[in-house]
PDB file of N, CA and C in Angstrom:
ATOM      1  N   MET A   1       0.844  -1.229  -0.020  1.00  0.00           N
ATOM      2  CA  MET A   1      -0.033  -0.015  -0.027  1.00  0.00           C
ATOM      3  C   MET A   1       0.878   1.225  -0.012  1.00  0.00           C
ATOM      4  N   GLU A   2       0.529   2.163  -0.839  1.00  0.00           N
ATOM      5  CA  GLU A   2       1.284   3.376  -1.011  1.00  0.00           C
ATOM      6  C   GLU A   2       1.053   4.353   0.189  1.00  0.00           C
ATOM      7  N   LYS A   3       2.109   4.990   0.620  1.00  0.00           N
ATOM      8  CA  LYS A   3       1.906   5.974   1.763  1.00  0.00           C
ATOM      9  C   LYS A   3       1.262   7.280   1.244  1.00  0.00           C
ATOM     10  N   PHE A   4       0.294   7.765   2.038  1.00  0.00           N
ATOM     11  CA  PHE A   4      -0.434   8.974   1.599  1.00  0.00           C
ATOM     12  C   PHE A   4       0.478  10.168   1.796  1.00  0.00           C
ATOM     13  N   ASP A   5       0.542  11.031   0.808  1.00  0.00           N
ATOM     14  CA  ASP A   5       1.380  12.242   0.814  1.00  0.00           C
ATOM     15  C   ASP A   5       0.549  13.383   1.352  1.00  0.00           C
ATOM     16  N   PHE A   6       0.625  13.607   2.658  1.00  0.00           N
ATOM     17  CA  PHE A   6      -0.178  14.646   3.333  1.00  0.00           C
ATOM     18  C   PHE A   6       0.212  16.041   2.845  1.00  0.00           C
ATOM     19  N   GLU A   7       1.538  16.254   2.700  1.00  0.00           N
ATOM     20  CA  GLU A   7       1.973  17.625   2.270  1.00  0.00           C
ATOM     21  C   GLU A   7       1.375  18.023   0.942  1.00  0.00           C
ATOM     22  N   ARG A   8       1.316  17.086   0.016  1.00  0.00           N
ATOM     23  CA  ARG A   8       0.780  17.368  -1.341  1.00  0.00           C
ATOM     24  C   ARG A   8      -0.712  17.523  -1.268  1.00  0.00           C
ATOM     25  N   ALA A   9      -1.409  16.672  -0.521  1.00  0.00           N
ATOM     26  CA  ALA A   9      -2.875  16.658  -0.436  1.00  0.00           C
ATOM     27  C   ALA A   9      -3.381  17.929   0.220  1.00  0.00           C
ATOM     28  N   TYR A  10      -2.733  18.368   1.241  1.00  0.00           N
ATOM     29  CA  TYR A  10      -3.219  19.565   1.926  1.00  0.00           C
ATOM     30  C   TYR A  10      -2.816  20.886   1.266  1.00  0.00           C
ATOM     31  N   ALA A  11      -2.037  20.810   0.231  1.00  0.00           N
ATOM     32  CA  ALA A  11      -1.581  22.003  -0.505  1.00  0.00           C
ATOM     33  C   ALA A  11      -2.600  22.551  -1.473  1.00  0.00           C
ATOM     34  N   ASP A  12      -3.579  21.728  -1.854  1.00  0.00           N
ATOM     35  CA  ASP A  12      -4.589  22.143  -2.885  1.00  0.00           C
ATOM     36  C   ASP A  12      -5.832  22.728  -2.325  1.00  0.00           C
ATOM     37  N   TYR A  13      -5.983  24.039  -2.632  1.00  0.00           N
ATOM     38  CA  TYR A  13      -7.152  24.778  -2.153  1.00  0.00           C
ATOM     39  C   TYR A  13      -7.884  25.241  -3.416  1.00  0.00           C
ATOM     40  N   ILE A  14      -9.200  25.464  -3.260  1.00  0.00           N
ATOM     41  CA  ILE A  14      -9.924  26.180  -4.319  1.00  0.00           C
ATOM     42  C   ILE A  14     -10.757  27.297  -3.600  1.00  0.00           C
ATOM     43  N   VAL A  15     -11.086  28.286  -4.391  1.00  0.00           N
ATOM     44  CA  VAL A  15     -11.978  29.348  -3.909  1.00  0.00           C
ATOM     45  C   VAL A  15     -13.192  29.342  -4.801  1.00  0.00           C
ATOM     46  N   VAL A  16     -14.356  29.230  -4.192  1.00  0.00           N
ATOM     47  CA  VAL A  16     -15.593  29.311  -4.972  1.00  0.00           C
ATOM     48  C   VAL A  16     -16.330  30.626  -4.637  1.00  0.00           C
ATOM     49  N   ALA A  17     -16.550  31.407  -5.676  1.00  0.00           N
ATOM     50  CA  ALA A  17     -17.176  32.722  -5.585  1.00  0.00           C
ATOM     51  C   ALA A  17     -18.575  32.596  -6.211  1.00  0.00           C
ATOM     52  N   ALA A  18     -19.624  32.656  -5.423  1.00  0.00           N
ATOM     53  CA  ALA A  18     -21.022  32.529  -5.955  1.00  0.00           C
ATOM     54  C   ALA A  18     -21.369  33.732  -6.733  1.00  0.00           C
ATOM     55  N   GLU A  19     -22.015  33.466  -7.945  1.00  0.00           N
ATOM     56  CA  GLU A  19     -22.575  34.573  -8.771  1.00  0.00           C
ATOM     57  C   GLU A  19     -24.044  34.562  -8.791  1.00  0.00           C
ATOM     58  N   GLU A  20     -24.633  33.627  -8.014  1.00  0.00           N
ATOM     59  CA  GLU A  20     -26.094  33.616  -7.833  1.00  0.00           C
ATOM     60  C   GLU A  20     -26.404  33.066  -6.451  1.00  0.00           C
ATOM     61  N   ASN A  21     -27.546  33.242  -5.920  1.00  0.00           N
ATOM     62  CA  ASN A  21     -27.925  32.631  -4.646  1.00  0.00           C
ATOM     63  C   ASN A  21     -28.147  31.070  -4.812  1.00  0.00           C
ATOM     64  N   GLY A  22     -27.854  30.407  -3.736  1.00  0.00           N
ATOM     65  CA  GLY A  22     -28.056  29.007  -3.643  1.00  0.00           C
ATOM     66  C   GLY A  22     -27.056  28.114  -4.361  1.00  0.00           C
ATOM     67  N   VAL A  23     -25.795  28.548  -4.482  1.00  0.00           N
ATOM     68  CA  VAL A  23     -24.771  27.716  -5.119  1.00  0.00           C
ATOM     69  C   VAL A  23     -24.365  26.588  -4.141  1.00  0.00           C
ATOM     70  N   ASN A  24     -24.371  25.372  -4.516  1.00  0.00           N
ATOM     71  CA  ASN A  24     -24.019  24.235  -3.746  1.00  0.00           C
ATOM     72  C   ASN A  24     -22.576  23.886  -3.948  1.00  0.00           C
ATOM     73  N   VAL A  25     -21.835  23.647  -2.868  1.00  0.00           N
ATOM     74  CA  VAL A  25     -20.476  23.205  -2.906  1.00  0.00           C
ATOM     75  C   VAL A  25     -20.461  21.888  -2.134  1.00  0.00           C
ATOM     76  N   ILE A  26     -20.142  20.760  -2.868  1.00  0.00           N
ATOM     77  CA  ILE A  26     -20.285  19.434  -2.301  1.00  0.00           C
ATOM     78  C   ILE A  26     -18.947  18.742  -2.204  1.00  0.00           C
ATOM     79  N   GLY A  27     -18.530  18.314  -1.058  1.00  0.00           N
ATOM     80  CA  GLY A  27     -17.277  17.547  -0.874  1.00  0.00           C
ATOM     81  C   GLY A  27     -17.517  16.069  -1.032  1.00  0.00           C
ATOM     82  N   LEU A  28     -16.732  15.380  -1.809  1.00  0.00           N
ATOM     83  CA  LEU A  28     -16.833  13.897  -2.021  1.00  0.00           C
ATOM     84  C   LEU A  28     -15.630  13.193  -1.469  1.00  0.00           C
ATOM     85  N   THR A  29     -15.906  12.032  -0.915  1.00  0.00           N
ATOM     86  CA  THR A  29     -14.790  11.286  -0.210  1.00  0.00           C
ATOM     87  C   THR A  29     -13.896  10.526  -1.099  1.00  0.00           C
ATOM     88  N   ARG A  30     -12.770  10.179  -0.563  1.00  0.00           N
ATOM     89  CA  ARG A  30     -11.833   9.256  -1.179  1.00  0.00           C
ATOM     90  C   ARG A  30     -12.190   7.858  -0.877  1.00  0.00           C
ATOM     91  N   GLY A  31     -11.483   6.906  -1.513  1.00  0.00           N
ATOM     92  CA  GLY A  31     -11.644   5.521  -1.148  1.00  0.00           C
ATOM     93  C   GLY A  31     -12.394   4.691  -2.199  1.00  0.00           C
ATOM     94  N   LYS A  32     -12.639   3.430  -1.779  1.00  0.00           N
ATOM     95  CA  LYS A  32     -13.300   2.501  -2.669  1.00  0.00           C
ATOM     96  C   LYS A  32     -14.638   3.018  -3.201  1.00  0.00           C
ATOM     97  N   ASP A  33     -15.479   3.625  -2.333  1.00  0.00           N
ATOM     98  CA  ASP A  33     -16.792   4.182  -2.724  1.00  0.00           C
ATOM     99  C   ASP A  33     -16.766   5.635  -2.484  1.00  0.00           C
ATOM    100  N   THR A  34     -16.968   6.394  -3.589  1.00  0.00           N
ATOM    101  CA  THR A  34     -17.058   7.862  -3.484  1.00  0.00           C
ATOM    102  C   THR A  34     -18.400   8.264  -2.931  1.00  0.00           C
ATOM    103  N   ARG A  35     -18.397   9.052  -1.874  1.00  0.00           N
ATOM    104  CA  ARG A  35     -19.677   9.492  -1.200  1.00  0.00           C
ATOM    105  C   ARG A  35     -19.561  10.967  -0.848  1.00  0.00           C
ATOM    106  N   LEU A  36     -20.790  11.504  -0.792  1.00  0.00           N
ATOM    107  CA  LEU A  36     -20.916  12.907  -0.335  1.00  0.00           C
ATOM    108  C   LEU A  36     -20.625  12.953   1.131  1.00  0.00           C
ATOM    109  N   HIS A  37     -19.781  13.872   1.616  1.00  0.00           N
ATOM    110  CA  HIS A  37     -19.473  13.955   2.980  1.00  0.00           C
ATOM    111  C   HIS A  37     -19.746  15.356   3.560  1.00  0.00           C
ATOM    112  N   HIS A  38     -19.894  16.411   2.710  1.00  0.00           N
ATOM    113  CA  HIS A  38     -20.165  17.696   3.230  1.00  0.00           C
ATOM    114  C   HIS A  38     -20.776  18.615   2.193  1.00  0.00           C
ATOM    115  N   THR A  39     -21.731  19.397   2.476  1.00  0.00           N
ATOM    116  CA  THR A  39     -22.359  20.339   1.611  1.00  0.00           C
ATOM    117  C   THR A  39     -22.478  21.734   2.231  1.00  0.00           C
ATOM    118  N   GLU A  40     -22.172  22.681   1.413  1.00  0.00           N
ATOM    119  CA  GLU A  40     -22.362  24.062   1.810  1.00  0.00           C
ATOM    120  C   GLU A  40     -23.165  24.742   0.732  1.00  0.00           C
ATOM    121  N   ILE A  41     -24.002  25.677   1.147  1.00  0.00           N
ATOM    122  CA  ILE A  41     -24.803  26.507   0.168  1.00  0.00           C
ATOM    123  C   ILE A  41     -24.370  27.960   0.397  1.00  0.00           C
ATOM    124  N   ILE A  42     -23.930  28.589  -0.662  1.00  0.00           N
ATOM    125  CA  ILE A  42     -23.471  29.970  -0.594  1.00  0.00           C
ATOM    126  C   ILE A  42     -24.274  30.851  -1.517  1.00  0.00           C
ATOM    127  N   ASP A  43     -24.438  32.085  -1.120  1.00  0.00           N
ATOM    128  CA  ASP A  43     -25.268  33.072  -1.921  1.00  0.00           C
ATOM    129  C   ASP A  43     -24.369  34.074  -2.666  1.00  0.00           C
ATOM    130  N   LYS A  44     -24.973  34.744  -3.589  1.00  0.00           N
ATOM    131  CA  LYS A  44     -24.299  35.706  -4.473  1.00  0.00           C
ATOM    132  C   LYS A  44     -23.426  36.573  -3.609  1.00  0.00           C
ATOM    133  N   GLY A  45     -22.173  36.778  -4.049  1.00  0.00           N
ATOM    134  CA  GLY A  45     -21.208  37.593  -3.297  1.00  0.00           C
ATOM    135  C   GLY A  45     -20.445  36.862  -2.227  1.00  0.00           C
ATOM    136  N   GLU A  46     -20.888  35.680  -1.893  1.00  0.00           N
ATOM    137  CA  GLU A  46     -20.175  34.971  -0.852  1.00  0.00           C
ATOM    138  C   GLU A  46     -19.064  34.102  -1.461  1.00  0.00           C
ATOM    139  N   VAL A  47     -17.998  33.859  -0.627  1.00  0.00           N
ATOM    140  CA  VAL A  47     -16.827  33.134  -1.097  1.00  0.00           C
ATOM    141  C   VAL A  47     -16.626  31.991  -0.160  1.00  0.00           C
ATOM    142  N   LEU A  48     -16.320  30.804  -0.639  1.00  0.00           N
ATOM    143  CA  LEU A  48     -15.910  29.654   0.187  1.00  0.00           C
ATOM    144  C   LEU A  48     -14.539  29.195  -0.242  1.00  0.00           C
ATOM    145  N   ILE A  49     -13.695  28.973   0.724  1.00  0.00           N
ATOM    146  CA  ILE A  49     -12.388  28.463   0.430  1.00  0.00           C
ATOM    147  C   ILE A  49     -12.406  26.982   0.941  1.00  0.00           C
ATOM    148  N   ALA A  50     -12.100  26.074  -0.070  1.00  0.00           N
ATOM    149  CA  ALA A  50     -12.168  24.682   0.222  1.00  0.00           C
ATOM    150  C   ALA A  50     -10.792  24.042   0.050  1.00  0.00           C
ATOM    151  N   GLN A  51     -10.548  22.914   0.693  1.00  0.00           N
ATOM    152  CA  GLN A  51      -9.297  22.305   0.615  1.00  0.00           C
ATOM    153  C   GLN A  51      -9.489  20.759   0.362  1.00  0.00           C
ATOM    154  N   PHE A  52      -8.605  20.239  -0.559  1.00  0.00           N
ATOM    155  CA  PHE A  52      -8.568  18.780  -0.739  1.00  0.00           C
ATOM    156  C   PHE A  52      -7.751  18.183   0.465  1.00  0.00           C
ATOM    157  N   THR A  53      -8.329  17.193   1.080  1.00  0.00           N
ATOM    158  CA  THR A  53      -7.729  16.577   2.298  1.00  0.00           C
ATOM    159  C   THR A  53      -7.621  15.109   2.117  1.00  0.00           C
ATOM    160  N   GLU A  54      -7.256  14.480   3.244  1.00  0.00           N
ATOM    161  CA  GLU A  54      -7.187  13.004   3.256  1.00  0.00           C
ATOM    162  C   GLU A  54      -8.562  12.413   3.035  1.00  0.00           C
ATOM    163  N   GLN A  55      -9.637  13.096   3.400  1.00  0.00           N
ATOM    164  CA  GLN A  55     -10.983  12.624   3.202  1.00  0.00           C
ATOM    165  C   GLN A  55     -11.643  13.112   1.888  1.00  0.00           C
ATOM    166  N   THR A  56     -11.236  14.338   1.500  1.00  0.00           N
ATOM    167  CA  THR A  56     -11.889  14.951   0.292  1.00  0.00           C
ATOM    168  C   THR A  56     -11.062  14.814  -0.964  1.00  0.00           C
ATOM    169  N   SER A  57     -11.648  14.074  -1.923  1.00  0.00           N
ATOM    170  CA  SER A  57     -10.922  13.759  -3.201  1.00  0.00           C
ATOM    171  C   SER A  57     -11.490  14.632  -4.345  1.00  0.00           C
ATOM    172  N   ALA A  58     -12.767  15.034  -4.221  1.00  0.00           N
ATOM    173  CA  ALA A  58     -13.400  15.789  -5.281  1.00  0.00           C
ATOM    174  C   ALA A  58     -14.343  16.816  -4.635  1.00  0.00           C
ATOM    175  N   ILE A  59     -14.484  17.923  -5.327  1.00  0.00           N
ATOM    176  CA  ILE A  59     -15.470  18.995  -4.920  1.00  0.00           C
ATOM    177  C   ILE A  59     -16.306  19.313  -6.127  1.00  0.00           C
ATOM    178  N   LYS A  60     -17.645  19.168  -5.982  1.00  0.00           N
ATOM    179  CA  LYS A  60     -18.618  19.460  -7.010  1.00  0.00           C
ATOM    180  C   LYS A  60     -19.261  20.828  -6.679  1.00  0.00           C
ATOM    181  N   VAL A  61     -19.375  21.685  -7.748  1.00  0.00           N
ATOM    182  CA  VAL A  61     -20.022  22.949  -7.566  1.00  0.00           C
ATOM    183  C   VAL A  61     -21.302  22.928  -8.491  1.00  0.00           C
ATOM    184  N   ARG A  62     -22.435  23.197  -7.868  1.00  0.00           N
ATOM    185  CA  ARG A  62     -23.701  23.278  -8.597  1.00  0.00           C
ATOM    186  C   ARG A  62     -24.277  24.673  -8.477  1.00  0.00           C
ATOM    187  N   GLY A  63     -24.381  25.346  -9.657  1.00  0.00           N
ATOM    188  CA  GLY A  63     -24.834  26.719  -9.662  1.00  0.00           C
ATOM    189  C   GLY A  63     -23.802  27.616 -10.293  1.00  0.00           C
ATOM    190  N   LYS A  64     -24.173  28.881 -10.492  1.00  0.00           N
ATOM    191  CA  LYS A  64     -23.328  29.830 -11.225  1.00  0.00           C
ATOM    192  C   LYS A  64     -22.267  30.390 -10.227  1.00  0.00           C
ATOM    193  N   ALA A  65     -21.019  30.028 -10.548  1.00  0.00           N
ATOM    194  CA  ALA A  65     -19.906  30.498  -9.683  1.00  0.00           C
ATOM    195  C   ALA A  65     -18.652  30.520 -10.498  1.00  0.00           C
ATOM    196  N   LYS A  66     -17.653  31.187  -9.938  1.00  0.00           N
ATOM    197  CA  LYS A  66     -16.229  31.172 -10.393  1.00  0.00           C
ATOM    198  C   LYS A  66     -15.474  30.359  -9.454  1.00  0.00           C
ATOM    199  N   ILE A  67     -14.686  29.478  -9.957  1.00  0.00           N
ATOM    200  CA  ILE A  67     -13.798  28.601  -9.094  1.00  0.00           C
ATOM    201  C   ILE A  67     -12.348  28.969  -9.373  1.00  0.00           C
ATOM    202  N   TYR A  68     -11.638  29.425  -8.418  1.00  0.00           N
ATOM    203  CA  TYR A  68     -10.260  29.749  -8.567  1.00  0.00           C
ATOM    204  C   TYR A  68      -9.397  28.671  -8.031  1.00  0.00           C
ATOM    205  N   CYS A  69      -8.469  28.181  -8.819  1.00  0.00           N
ATOM    206  CA  CYS A  69      -7.572  27.147  -8.338  1.00  0.00           C
ATOM    207  C   CYS A  69      -6.270  27.239  -9.047  1.00  0.00           C
ATOM    208  N   SER A  70      -5.366  26.255  -8.776  1.00  0.00           N
ATOM    209  CA  SER A  70      -4.001  26.268  -9.388  1.00  0.00           C
ATOM    210  C   SER A  70      -4.078  26.083 -10.878  1.00  0.00           C
ATOM    211  N   HIS A  71      -5.193  25.661 -11.399  1.00  0.00           N
ATOM    212  CA  HIS A  71      -5.354  25.491 -12.882  1.00  0.00           C
ATOM    213  C   HIS A  71      -5.936  26.676 -13.588  1.00  0.00           C
ATOM    214  N   GLY A  72      -6.244  27.727 -12.812  1.00  0.00           N
ATOM    215  CA  GLY A  72      -6.849  28.924 -13.385  1.00  0.00           C
ATOM    216  C   GLY A  72      -8.168  29.199 -12.804  1.00  0.00           C
ATOM    217  N   ILE A  73      -8.949  29.920 -13.571  1.00  0.00           N
ATOM    218  CA  ILE A  73     -10.381  30.274 -13.234  1.00  0.00           C
ATOM    219  C   ILE A  73     -11.347  29.439 -14.032  1.00  0.00           C
ATOM    220  N   ILE A  74     -12.225  28.777 -13.351  1.00  0.00           N
ATOM    221  CA  ILE A  74     -13.238  27.936 -14.056  1.00  0.00           C
ATOM    222  C   ILE A  74     -14.612  28.540 -13.720  1.00  0.00           C
ATOM    223  N   GLU A  75     -15.501  28.655 -14.681  1.00  0.00           N
ATOM    224  CA  GLU A  75     -16.817  29.146 -14.457  1.00  0.00           C
ATOM    225  C   GLU A  75     -17.877  27.979 -14.531  1.00  0.00           C
ATOM    226  N   SER A  76     -18.659  27.822 -13.536  1.00  0.00           N
ATOM    227  CA  SER A  76     -19.667  26.867 -13.555  1.00  0.00           C
ATOM    228  C   SER A  76     -20.972  27.439 -14.124  1.00  0.00           C
ATOM    229  N   GLY A  77     -21.901  26.614 -14.561  1.00  0.00           N
ATOM    230  CA  GLY A  77     -23.163  27.105 -15.141  1.00  0.00           C
ATOM    231  C   GLY A  77     -24.200  27.373 -14.110  1.00  0.00           C
ATOM    232  N   SER A  78     -25.307  27.775 -14.544  1.00  0.00           N
ATOM    233  CA  SER A  78     -26.489  28.143 -13.675  1.00  0.00           C
ATOM    234  C   SER A  78     -27.142  26.846 -13.216  1.00  0.00           C
ATOM    235  N   ARG A  79     -27.787  26.941 -12.007  1.00  0.00           N
ATOM    236  CA  ARG A  79     -28.594  25.829 -11.480  1.00  0.00           C
ATOM    237  C   ARG A  79     -29.793  25.615 -12.362  1.00  0.00           C
ATOM    238  N   GLN A  80     -30.199  26.638 -13.101  1.00  0.00           N
ATOM    239  CA  GLN A  80     -31.377  26.558 -14.005  1.00  0.00           C
ATOM    240  C   GLN A  80     -31.201  25.559 -15.099  1.00  0.00           C
ATOM    241  N   GLY A  81     -29.892  25.328 -15.516  1.00  0.00           N
ATOM    242  CA  GLY A  81     -29.630  24.409 -16.666  1.00  0.00           C
ATOM    243  C   GLY A  81     -30.117  23.011 -16.323  1.00  0.00           C
ATOM    244  N   GLY A  82     -29.566  22.386 -15.277  1.00  0.00           N
ATOM    245  CA  GLY A  82     -30.007  21.067 -14.781  1.00  0.00           C
ATOM    246  C   GLY A  82     -30.023  19.911 -15.816  1.00  0.00           C
ATOM    247  N   HIS A  83     -30.449  18.770 -15.389  1.00  0.00           N
ATOM    248  CA  HIS A  83     -30.642  17.650 -16.280  1.00  0.00           C
ATOM    249  C   HIS A  83     -32.067  17.701 -16.872  1.00  0.00           C
ATOM    250  N   PRO A  84     -32.230  17.180 -18.079  1.00  0.00           N
ATOM    251  CA  PRO A  84     -33.578  17.201 -18.729  1.00  0.00           C
ATOM    252  C   PRO A  84     -34.536  16.332 -17.948  1.00  0.00           C
TER     253      PRO A  84
END
């Protein structure tokens, strides 16, 4: 089994800046089964700073927001789009 690299995992942060009310930021777990482990709802003008950790391997953003990370700025779509 590979040793977990804490220094690398704890170095990755993202900033989510809501551009509409009710933006969902969802933390997903690591491991054999990926599961939701934390949800935050932020409103227009609010900012959430999130970190990838030993437990968090993915972060899903639902709603219109800008996500700032080491890869640049990513814009998510509106909650109104949704699945058909």
